[in-house]
């Protein structure tokens, strides 16, 4: 697997160019705020010089999670239709067809 990424530093600002797009971030060593190439906002906290860090995304992914979070407060929709109740009593189908008396 071949991975391409180029990072440009301008003081506290960082621009990263990769196969998936361009991302921007700003901050100090160990704490950065940024926007990923697909538009997600994040906070990155790490130990400088070790390569150990964690990323916390601040928003949900625009296409998938937003729809799920909106649907969590709604009742599920059922495709099963309930039969309509008739007030009059009908005969069983076999009596209607004169199969049995």
PDB file of N, CA and C in Angstrom:
ATOM      1  N   UNK A   1       0.845  -1.163   0.000  1.00  0.00           N
ATOM      2  CA  UNK A   1       0.000   0.000   0.000  1.00  0.00           C
ATOM      3  C   UNK A   1       0.898   1.236   0.000  1.00  0.00           C
ATOM      4  N   UNK A   2       0.569   2.176  -0.832  1.00  0.00           N
ATOM      5  CA  UNK A   2       1.326   3.416  -0.938  1.00  0.00           C
ATOM      6  C   UNK A   2       0.474   4.565  -0.421  1.00  0.00           C
ATOM      7  N   UNK A   3       1.004   5.308   0.546  1.00  0.00           N
ATOM      8  CA  UNK A   3       0.281   6.422   1.148  1.00  0.00           C
ATOM      9  C   UNK A   3       1.034   7.708   0.853  1.00  0.00           C
ATOM     10  N   UNK A   4       0.296   8.728   0.433  1.00  0.00           N
ATOM     11  CA  UNK A   4       0.898  10.027   0.140  1.00  0.00           C
ATOM     12  C   UNK A   4       0.334  11.067   1.097  1.00  0.00           C
ATOM     13  N   UNK A   5       1.219  11.838   1.723  1.00  0.00           N
ATOM     14  CA  UNK A   5       0.790  12.942   2.571  1.00  0.00           C
ATOM     15  C   UNK A   5       1.926  13.959   2.643  1.00  0.00           C
ATOM     16  N   UNK A   6       1.610  15.211   2.456  1.00  0.00           N
ATOM     17  CA  UNK A   6       2.582  16.294   2.556  1.00  0.00           C
ATOM     18  C   UNK A   6       2.013  17.336   3.496  1.00  0.00           C
ATOM     19  N   UNK A   7       2.819  17.767   4.469  1.00  0.00           N
ATOM     20  CA  UNK A   7       2.379  18.732   5.474  1.00  0.00           C
ATOM     21  C   UNK A   7       3.180  20.011   5.330  1.00  0.00           C
ATOM     22  N   UNK A   8       2.464  21.144   5.334  1.00  0.00           N
ATOM     23  CA  UNK A   8       3.085  22.466   5.274  1.00  0.00           C
ATOM     24  C   UNK A   8       2.780  23.185   6.573  1.00  0.00           C
ATOM     25  N   UNK A   9       3.826  23.677   7.261  1.00  0.00           N
ATOM     26  CA  UNK A   9       3.660  24.402   8.519  1.00  0.00           C
ATOM     27  C   UNK A   9       3.882  25.893   8.294  1.00  0.00           C
ATOM     28  N   UNK A  10       2.993  26.693   8.861  1.00  0.00           N
ATOM     29  CA  UNK A  10       3.098  28.148   8.834  1.00  0.00           C
ATOM     30  C   UNK A  10       2.838  28.647  10.248  1.00  0.00           C
ATOM     31  N   UNK A  11       3.841  28.571  11.114  1.00  0.00           N
ATOM     32  CA  UNK A  11       3.654  28.934  12.513  1.00  0.00           C
ATOM     33  C   UNK A  11       2.714  27.940  13.172  1.00  0.00           C
ATOM     34  N   UNK A  12       1.648  28.418  13.828  1.00  0.00           N
ATOM     35  CA  UNK A  12       0.714  27.489  14.484  1.00  0.00           C
ATOM     36  C   UNK A  12      -0.266  26.837  13.497  1.00  0.00           C
ATOM     37  N   UNK A  13      -0.228  27.237  12.237  1.00  0.00           N
ATOM     38  CA  UNK A  13      -1.147  26.701  11.230  1.00  0.00           C
ATOM     39  C   UNK A  13      -0.479  25.566  10.457  1.00  0.00           C
ATOM     40  N   UNK A  14      -1.251  24.560  10.137  1.00  0.00           N
ATOM     41  CA  UNK A  14      -0.736  23.417   9.392  1.00  0.00           C
ATOM     42  C   UNK A  14      -1.729  23.065   8.287  1.00  0.00           C
ATOM     43  N   UNK A  15      -1.212  22.831   7.102  1.00  0.00           N
ATOM     44  CA  UNK A  15      -2.014  22.371   5.965  1.00  0.00           C
ATOM     45  C   UNK A  15      -1.470  21.022   5.548  1.00  0.00           C
ATOM     46  N   UNK A  16      -2.334  20.035   5.436  1.00  0.00           N
ATOM     47  CA  UNK A  16      -1.896  18.713   4.999  1.00  0.00           C
ATOM     48  C   UNK A  16      -2.602  18.357   3.695  1.00  0.00           C
ATOM     49  N   UNK A  17      -1.816  17.879   2.752  1.00  0.00           N
ATOM     50  CA  UNK A  17      -2.335  17.471   1.450  1.00  0.00           C
ATOM     51  C   UNK A  17      -2.149  15.962   1.348  1.00  0.00           C
ATOM     52  N   UNK A  18      -3.224  15.265   1.054  1.00  0.00           N
ATOM     53  CA  UNK A  18      -3.162  13.806   0.925  1.00  0.00           C
ATOM     54  C   UNK A  18      -4.023  13.363  -0.246  1.00  0.00           C
ATOM     55  N   UNK A  19      -4.085  12.079  -0.440  1.00  0.00           N
ATOM     56  CA  UNK A  19      -4.886  11.504  -1.514  1.00  0.00           C
ATOM     57  C   UNK A  19      -6.370  11.860  -1.351  1.00  0.00           C
ATOM     58  N   UNK A  20      -6.836  11.969  -0.092  1.00  0.00           N
ATOM     59  CA  UNK A  20      -8.260  12.243   0.153  1.00  0.00           C
ATOM     60  C   UNK A  20      -8.599  13.725   0.122  1.00  0.00           C
ATOM     61  N   UNK A  21      -7.609  14.618   0.053  1.00  0.00           N
ATOM     62  CA  UNK A  21      -7.912  16.041  -0.038  1.00  0.00           C
ATOM     63  C   UNK A  21      -6.962  16.892   0.782  1.00  0.00           C
ATOM     64  N   UNK A  22      -7.436  18.099   1.127  1.00  0.00           N
ATOM     65  CA  UNK A  22      -6.639  19.062   1.877  1.00  0.00           C
ATOM     66  C   UNK A  22      -7.290  19.281   3.242  1.00  0.00           C
ATOM     67  N   UNK A  23      -6.484  19.186   4.303  1.00  0.00           N
ATOM     68  CA  UNK A  23      -6.965  19.422   5.651  1.00  0.00           C
ATOM     69  C   UNK A  23      -6.227  20.590   6.275  1.00  0.00           C
ATOM     70  N   UNK A  24      -6.870  21.255   7.221  1.00  0.00           N
ATOM     71  CA  UNK A  24      -6.289  22.417   7.879  1.00  0.00           C
ATOM     72  C   UNK A  24      -6.371  22.226   9.386  1.00  0.00           C
ATOM     73  N   UNK A  25      -5.350  22.703  10.105  1.00  0.00           N
ATOM     74  CA  UNK A  25      -5.398  22.668  11.559  1.00  0.00           C
ATOM     75  C   UNK A  25      -4.556  23.806  12.118  1.00  0.00           C
ATOM     76  N   UNK A  26      -4.782  24.115  13.386  1.00  0.00           N
ATOM     77  CA  UNK A  26      -3.984  25.117  14.075  1.00  0.00           C
ATOM     78  C   UNK A  26      -3.895  24.733  15.547  1.00  0.00           C
ATOM     79  N   UNK A  27      -2.826  25.146  16.172  1.00  0.00           N
ATOM     80  CA  UNK A  27      -2.652  24.851  17.584  1.00  0.00           C
ATOM     81  C   UNK A  27      -1.203  24.769  17.980  1.00  0.00           C
ATOM     82  N   UNK A  28      -0.974  24.252  19.164  1.00  0.00           N
ATOM     83  CA  UNK A  28       0.341  24.092  19.744  1.00  0.00           C
ATOM     84  C   UNK A  28       0.743  22.624  19.690  1.00  0.00           C
ATOM     85  N   UNK A  29       2.023  22.325  19.876  1.00  0.00           N
ATOM     86  CA  UNK A  29       2.407  20.917  19.948  1.00  0.00           C
ATOM     87  C   UNK A  29       1.652  20.220  21.079  1.00  0.00           C
ATOM     88  N   UNK A  30       0.992  19.140  20.758  1.00  0.00           N
ATOM     89  CA  UNK A  30       0.216  18.389  21.741  1.00  0.00           C
ATOM     90  C   UNK A  30      -1.265  18.697  21.740  1.00  0.00           C
ATOM     91  N   UNK A  31      -1.689  19.813  21.157  1.00  0.00           N
ATOM     92  CA  UNK A  31      -3.110  20.177  21.116  1.00  0.00           C
ATOM     93  C   UNK A  31      -3.394  20.925  19.824  1.00  0.00           C
ATOM     94  N   UNK A  32      -4.235  20.342  18.971  1.00  0.00           N
ATOM     95  CA  UNK A  32      -4.561  20.959  17.687  1.00  0.00           C
ATOM     96  C   UNK A  32      -6.066  20.894  17.451  1.00  0.00           C
ATOM     97  N   UNK A  33      -6.572  21.913  16.779  1.00  0.00           N
ATOM     98  CA  UNK A  33      -7.951  21.961  16.309  1.00  0.00           C
ATOM     99  C   UNK A  33      -7.884  21.961  14.793  1.00  0.00           C
ATOM    100  N   UNK A  34      -8.755  21.203  14.139  1.00  0.00           N
ATOM    101  CA  UNK A  34      -8.644  21.164  12.695  1.00  0.00           C
ATOM    102  C   UNK A  34      -9.907  20.734  11.980  1.00  0.00           C
ATOM    103  N   UNK A  35      -9.781  20.744  10.648  1.00  0.00           N
ATOM    104  CA  UNK A  35     -10.837  20.286   9.750  1.00  0.00           C
ATOM    105  C   UNK A  35     -10.194  19.270   8.810  1.00  0.00           C
ATOM    106  N   UNK A  36     -10.734  18.068   8.783  1.00  0.00           N
ATOM    107  CA  UNK A  36     -10.182  17.002   7.953  1.00  0.00           C
ATOM    108  C   UNK A  36     -10.536  17.232   6.483  1.00  0.00           C
ATOM    109  N   UNK A  37      -9.911  16.496   5.561  1.00  0.00           N
ATOM    110  CA  UNK A  37     -10.215  16.677   4.134  1.00  0.00           C
ATOM    111  C   UNK A  37     -11.683  16.455   3.771  1.00  0.00           C
ATOM    112  N   UNK A  38     -12.404  15.624   4.546  1.00  0.00           N
ATOM    113  CA  UNK A  38     -13.821  15.412   4.230  1.00  0.00           C
ATOM    114  C   UNK A  38     -14.748  16.357   4.990  1.00  0.00           C
ATOM    115  N   UNK A  39     -14.184  17.379   5.692  1.00  0.00           N
ATOM    116  CA  UNK A  39     -15.007  18.411   6.316  1.00  0.00           C
ATOM    117  C   UNK A  39     -15.330  18.207   7.771  1.00  0.00           C
ATOM    118  N   UNK A  40     -14.819  17.161   8.397  1.00  0.00           N
ATOM    119  CA  UNK A  40     -15.118  16.907   9.810  1.00  0.00           C
ATOM    120  C   UNK A  40     -14.200  17.745  10.703  1.00  0.00           C
ATOM    121  N   UNK A  41     -14.770  18.370  11.729  1.00  0.00           N
ATOM    122  CA  UNK A  41     -14.004  19.151  12.687  1.00  0.00           C
ATOM    123  C   UNK A  41     -13.513  18.228  13.794  1.00  0.00           C
ATOM    124  N   UNK A  42     -12.277  18.478  14.279  1.00  0.00           N
ATOM    125  CA  UNK A  42     -11.715  17.601  15.294  1.00  0.00           C
ATOM    126  C   UNK A  42     -10.780  18.346  16.230  1.00  0.00           C
ATOM    127  N   UNK A  43     -10.505  17.704  17.375  1.00  0.00           N
ATOM    128  CA  UNK A  43      -9.479  18.124  18.314  1.00  0.00           C
ATOM    129  C   UNK A  43      -8.514  16.958  18.424  1.00  0.00           C
ATOM    130  N   UNK A  44      -7.233  17.258  18.357  1.00  0.00           N
ATOM    131  CA  UNK A  44      -6.203  16.240  18.479  1.00  0.00           C
ATOM    132  C   UNK A  44      -5.357  16.562  19.705  1.00  0.00           C
ATOM    133  N   UNK A  45      -5.204  15.571  20.586  1.00  0.00           N
ATOM    134  CA  UNK A  45      -4.402  15.727  21.794  1.00  0.00           C
ATOM    135  C   UNK A  45      -3.356  14.631  21.782  1.00  0.00           C
ATOM    136  N   UNK A  46      -2.092  14.995  22.031  1.00  0.00           N
ATOM    137  CA  UNK A  46      -1.045  13.995  22.008  1.00  0.00           C
ATOM    138  C   UNK A  46       0.151  14.368  22.841  1.00  0.00           C
ATOM    139  N   UNK A  47       1.114  13.458  22.858  1.00  0.00           N
ATOM    140  CA  UNK A  47       2.373  13.682  23.554  1.00  0.00           C
ATOM    141  C   UNK A  47       3.408  13.998  22.485  1.00  0.00           C
ATOM    142  N   UNK A  48       3.888  15.242  22.420  1.00  0.00           N
ATOM    143  CA  UNK A  48       4.820  15.634  21.355  1.00  0.00           C
ATOM    144  C   UNK A  48       6.082  14.760  21.332  1.00  0.00           C
ATOM    145  N   UNK A  49       6.474  14.396  20.117  1.00  0.00           N
ATOM    146  CA  UNK A  49       7.690  13.627  19.922  1.00  0.00           C
ATOM    147  C   UNK A  49       7.535  12.128  20.061  1.00  0.00           C
ATOM    148  N   UNK A  50       6.368  11.644  20.492  1.00  0.00           N
ATOM    149  CA  UNK A  50       6.179  10.209  20.700  1.00  0.00           C
ATOM    150  C   UNK A  50       5.365   9.557  19.596  1.00  0.00           C
ATOM    151  N   UNK A  51       4.570  10.333  18.900  1.00  0.00           N
ATOM    152  CA  UNK A  51       3.670   9.763  17.900  1.00  0.00           C
ATOM    153  C   UNK A  51       2.367   9.264  18.501  1.00  0.00           C
ATOM    154  N   UNK A  52       2.191   9.392  19.818  1.00  0.00           N
ATOM    155  CA  UNK A  52       0.961   8.972  20.484  1.00  0.00           C
ATOM    156  C   UNK A  52      -0.011  10.153  20.536  1.00  0.00           C
ATOM    157  N   UNK A  53      -1.186   9.957  20.017  1.00  0.00           N
ATOM    158  CA  UNK A  53      -2.192  11.005  20.036  1.00  0.00           C
ATOM    159  C   UNK A  53      -3.561  10.386  19.885  1.00  0.00           C
ATOM    160  N   UNK A  54      -4.569  11.170  20.199  1.00  0.00           N
ATOM    161  CA  UNK A  54      -5.956  10.743  19.991  1.00  0.00           C
ATOM    162  C   UNK A  54      -6.708  11.875  19.321  1.00  0.00           C
ATOM    163  N   UNK A  55      -7.715  11.495  18.551  1.00  0.00           N
ATOM    164  CA  UNK A  55      -8.526  12.473  17.827  1.00  0.00           C
ATOM    165  C   UNK A  55      -9.968  12.335  18.284  1.00  0.00           C
ATOM    166  N   UNK A  56     -10.593  13.463  18.599  1.00  0.00           N
ATOM    167  CA  UNK A  56     -12.006  13.505  18.952  1.00  0.00           C
ATOM    168  C   UNK A  56     -12.713  14.367  17.920  1.00  0.00           C
ATOM    169  N   UNK A  57     -13.636  13.759  17.169  1.00  0.00           N
ATOM    170  CA  UNK A  57     -14.398  14.508  16.174  1.00  0.00           C
ATOM    171  C   UNK A  57     -15.528  15.251  16.879  1.00  0.00           C
ATOM    172  N   UNK A  58     -15.684  16.528  16.535  1.00  0.00           N
ATOM    173  CA  UNK A  58     -16.656  17.391  17.210  1.00  0.00           C
ATOM    174  C   UNK A  58     -18.042  17.325  16.604  1.00  0.00           C
ATOM    175  N   UNK A  59     -18.138  16.910  15.368  1.00  0.00           N
ATOM    176  CA  UNK A  59     -19.433  16.830  14.715  1.00  0.00           C
ATOM    177  C   UNK A  59     -19.613  15.422  14.164  1.00  0.00           C
ATOM    178  N   UNK A  60     -20.796  15.143  13.763  1.00  0.00           N
ATOM    179  CA  UNK A  60     -21.072  13.844  13.161  1.00  0.00           C
ATOM    180  C   UNK A  60     -20.807  13.918  11.677  1.00  0.00           C
ATOM    181  N   UNK A  61     -20.577  12.784  11.093  1.00  0.00           N
ATOM    182  CA  UNK A  61     -20.318  12.733   9.662  1.00  0.00           C
ATOM    183  C   UNK A  61     -21.562  13.190   8.928  1.00  0.00           C
ATOM    184  N   UNK A  62     -21.462  14.138   7.993  1.00  0.00           N
ATOM    185  CA  UNK A  62     -22.631  14.767   7.382  1.00  0.00           C
ATOM    186  C   UNK A  62     -23.608  13.812   6.725  1.00  0.00           C
ATOM    187  N   UNK A  63     -23.156  12.755   6.097  1.00  0.00           N
ATOM    188  CA  UNK A  63     -24.064  11.923   5.321  1.00  0.00           C
ATOM    189  C   UNK A  63     -24.723  10.817   6.130  1.00  0.00           C
ATOM    190  N   UNK A  64     -24.037  10.274   7.138  1.00  0.00           N
ATOM    191  CA  UNK A  64     -24.579   9.098   7.812  1.00  0.00           C
ATOM    192  C   UNK A  64     -25.134   9.391   9.193  1.00  0.00           C
ATOM    193  N   UNK A  65     -24.318   9.900  10.085  1.00  0.00           N
ATOM    194  CA  UNK A  65     -24.701  10.007  11.470  1.00  0.00           C
ATOM    195  C   UNK A  65     -25.774  11.052  11.729  1.00  0.00           C
ATOM    196  N   UNK A  66     -25.822  12.125  10.942  1.00  0.00           N
ATOM    197  CA  UNK A  66     -26.866  13.127  11.132  1.00  0.00           C
ATOM    198  C   UNK A  66     -28.246  12.530  10.949  1.00  0.00           C
ATOM    199  N   UNK A  67     -28.400  11.692   9.949  1.00  0.00           N
ATOM    200  CA  UNK A  67     -29.692  11.065   9.720  1.00  0.00           C
ATOM    201  C   UNK A  67     -30.041  10.148  10.875  1.00  0.00           C
ATOM    202  N   UNK A  68     -29.064   9.404  11.393  1.00  0.00           N
ATOM    203  CA  UNK A  68     -29.324   8.497  12.496  1.00  0.00           C
ATOM    204  C   UNK A  68     -29.678   9.255  13.764  1.00  0.00           C
ATOM    205  N   UNK A  69     -29.002  10.370  14.050  1.00  0.00           N
ATOM    206  CA  UNK A  69     -29.297  11.113  15.266  1.00  0.00           C
ATOM    207  C   UNK A  69     -30.682  11.748  15.196  1.00  0.00           C
ATOM    208  N   UNK A  70     -31.129  12.168  14.009  1.00  0.00           N
ATOM    209  CA  UNK A  70     -32.474  12.731  13.874  1.00  0.00           C
ATOM    210  C   UNK A  70     -33.532  11.658  14.060  1.00  0.00           C
ATOM    211  N   UNK A  71     -33.248  10.440  13.646  1.00  0.00           N
ATOM    212  CA  UNK A  71     -34.231   9.366  13.724  1.00  0.00           C
ATOM    213  C   UNK A  71     -34.307   8.757  15.112  1.00  0.00           C
ATOM    214  N   UNK A  72     -33.333   9.016  15.999  1.00  0.00           N
ATOM    215  CA  UNK A  72     -33.351   8.421  17.327  1.00  0.00           C
ATOM    216  C   UNK A  72     -34.526   8.926  18.155  1.00  0.00           C
ATOM    217  N   UNK A  73     -34.995  10.138  17.896  1.00  0.00           N
ATOM    218  CA  UNK A  73     -36.087  10.705  18.669  1.00  0.00           C
ATOM    219  C   UNK A  73     -37.454  10.381  18.086  1.00  0.00           C
ATOM    220  N   UNK A  74     -37.487   9.706  16.958  1.00  0.00           N
ATOM    221  CA  UNK A  74     -38.744   9.390  16.315  1.00  0.00           C
ATOM    222  C   UNK A  74     -39.093   7.927  16.525  1.00  0.00           C
ATOM    223  N   UNK A  75     -40.381   7.630  16.470  1.00  0.00           N
ATOM    224  CA  UNK A  75     -40.812   6.246  16.566  1.00  0.00           C
ATOM    225  C   UNK A  75     -40.512   5.534  15.257  1.00  0.00           C
ATOM    226  N   UNK A  76     -40.145   4.252  15.316  1.00  0.00           N
ATOM    227  CA  UNK A  76     -39.872   3.533  14.070  1.00  0.00           C
ATOM    228  C   UNK A  76     -41.124   3.417  13.210  1.00  0.00           C
ATOM    229  N   UNK A  77     -40.914   3.453  11.917  1.00  0.00           N
ATOM    230  CA  UNK A  77     -42.016   3.342  10.976  1.00  0.00           C
ATOM    231  C   UNK A  77     -42.161   1.884  10.587  1.00  0.00           C
ATOM    232  N   UNK A  78     -43.355   1.370  10.670  1.00  0.00           N
ATOM    233  CA  UNK A  78     -43.609  -0.023  10.337  1.00  0.00           C
ATOM    234  C   UNK A  78     -44.271  -0.090   8.967  1.00  0.00           C
ATOM    235  N   UNK A  79     -43.820  -1.026   8.147  1.00  0.00           N
ATOM    236  CA  UNK A  79     -44.418  -1.217   6.826  1.00  0.00           C
ATOM    237  C   UNK A  79     -45.635  -2.128   6.881  1.00  0.00           C
ATOM    238  N   UNK A  80     -45.894  -2.709   8.026  1.00  0.00           N
ATOM    239  CA  UNK A  80     -47.027  -3.627   8.163  1.00  0.00           C
ATOM    240  C   UNK A  80     -48.283  -2.804   8.398  1.00  0.00           C
ATOM    241  N   UNK A  81     -49.272  -3.026   7.553  1.00  0.00           N
ATOM    242  CA  UNK A  81     -50.530  -2.304   7.703  1.00  0.00           C
ATOM    243  C   UNK A  81     -51.503  -3.159   8.500  1.00  0.00           C
ATOM    244  N   UNK A  82     -52.165  -2.534   9.429  1.00  0.00           N
ATOM    245  CA  UNK A  82     -53.156  -3.243  10.224  1.00  0.00           C
ATOM    246  C   UNK A  82     -54.445  -3.351   9.412  1.00  0.00           C
ATOM    247  N   UNK A  83     -55.103  -4.502   9.492  1.00  0.00           N
ATOM    248  CA  UNK A  83     -56.362  -4.636   8.748  1.00  0.00           C
ATOM    249  C   UNK A  83     -57.410  -3.688   9.307  1.00  0.00           C
ATOM    250  N   UNK A  84     -58.202  -3.166   8.404  1.00  0.00           N
ATOM    251  CA  UNK A  84     -59.280  -2.274   8.824  1.00  0.00           C
ATOM    252  C   UNK A  84     -60.385  -3.113   9.456  1.00  0.00           C
ATOM    253  N   UNK A  85     -60.888  -2.648  10.573  1.00  0.00           N
ATOM    254  CA  UNK A  85     -61.939  -3.401  11.245  1.00  0.00           C
ATOM    255  C   UNK A  85     -63.303  -2.986  10.680  1.00  0.00           C
ATOM    256  N   UNK A  86     -64.080  -3.976  10.338  1.00  0.00           N
ATOM    257  CA  UNK A  86     -65.446  -3.724   9.850  1.00  0.00           C
ATOM    258  C   UNK A  86     -66.407  -3.975  10.989  1.00  0.00           C
ATOM    259  N   UNK A  87     -67.395  -3.144  11.098  1.00  0.00           N
ATOM    260  CA  UNK A  87     -68.358  -3.307  12.179  1.00  0.00           C
ATOM    261  C   UNK A  87     -69.302  -4.485  11.909  1.00  0.00           C
ATOM    262  N   UNK A  88     -69.521  -4.815  10.628  1.00  0.00           N
ATOM    263  CA  UNK A  88     -70.409  -5.944  10.335  1.00  0.00           C
ATOM    264  C   UNK A  88     -69.610  -7.240  10.340  1.00  0.00           C
ATOM    265  N   UNK A  89     -70.254  -8.315  10.764  1.00  0.00           N
ATOM    266  CA  UNK A  89     -69.613  -9.619  10.838  1.00  0.00           C
ATOM    267  C   UNK A  89     -69.844 -10.323   9.511  1.00  0.00           C
ATOM    268  N   UNK A  90     -68.768 -10.824   8.912  1.00  0.00           N
ATOM    269  CA  UNK A  90     -68.897 -11.546   7.648  1.00  0.00           C
ATOM    270  C   UNK A  90     -68.736 -13.032   7.891  1.00  0.00           C
ATOM    271  N   UNK A  91     -69.268 -13.790   6.990  1.00  0.00           N
ATOM    272  CA  UNK A  91     -69.162 -15.244   7.087  1.00  0.00           C
ATOM    273  C   UNK A  91     -67.776 -15.680   6.657  1.00  0.00           C
ATOM    274  N   UNK A  92     -67.305 -16.816   7.138  1.00  0.00           N
ATOM    275  CA  UNK A  92     -66.006 -17.341   6.697  1.00  0.00           C
ATOM    276  C   UNK A  92     -66.012 -17.570   5.189  1.00  0.00           C
ATOM    277  N   UNK A  93     -64.847 -17.580   4.593  1.00  0.00           N
ATOM    278  CA  UNK A  93     -64.723 -17.682   3.147  1.00  0.00           C
ATOM    279  C   UNK A  93     -65.312 -18.961   2.594  1.00  0.00           C
ATOM    280  N   UNK A  94     -65.219 -20.057   3.375  1.00  0.00           N
ATOM    281  CA  UNK A  94     -65.745 -21.322   2.837  1.00  0.00           C
ATOM    282  C   UNK A  94     -67.272 -21.334   2.770  1.00  0.00           C
ATOM    283  N   UNK A  95     -67.899 -20.562   3.659  1.00  0.00           N
ATOM    284  CA  UNK A  95     -69.347 -20.454   3.589  1.00  0.00           C
ATOM    285  C   UNK A  95     -69.760 -19.516   2.459  1.00  0.00           C
ATOM    286  N   UNK A  96     -68.924 -18.502   2.191  1.00  0.00           N
ATOM    287  CA  UNK A  96     -69.210 -17.587   1.104  1.00  0.00           C
ATOM    288  C   UNK A  96     -69.133 -18.296  -0.240  1.00  0.00           C
ATOM    289  N   UNK A  97     -68.251 -19.274  -0.355  1.00  0.00           N
ATOM    290  CA  UNK A  97     -68.076 -20.022  -1.605  1.00  0.00           C
ATOM    291  C   UNK A  97     -68.997 -21.250  -1.661  1.00  0.00           C
ATOM    292  N   UNK A  98     -69.835 -21.435  -0.649  1.00  0.00           N
ATOM    293  CA  UNK A  98     -70.744 -22.580  -0.553  1.00  0.00           C
ATOM    294  C   UNK A  98     -70.001 -23.915  -0.563  1.00  0.00           C
ATOM    295  N   UNK A  99     -68.860 -23.940   0.127  1.00  0.00           N
ATOM    296  CA  UNK A  99     -68.099 -25.181   0.204  1.00  0.00           C
ATOM    297  C   UNK A  99     -68.613 -26.066   1.330  1.00  0.00           C
ATOM    298  N   UNK A 100     -69.057 -25.468   2.416  1.00  0.00           N
ATOM    299  CA  UNK A 100     -69.599 -26.230   3.547  1.00  0.00           C
ATOM    300  C   UNK A 100     -70.805 -25.511   4.083  1.00  0.00           C
ATOM    301  N   UNK A 101     -71.723 -26.289   4.595  1.00  0.00           N
ATOM    302  CA  UNK A 101     -72.912 -25.683   5.198  1.00  0.00           C
ATOM    303  C   UNK A 101     -72.879 -25.796   6.683  1.00  0.00           C
TER     304      UNK A 101
END
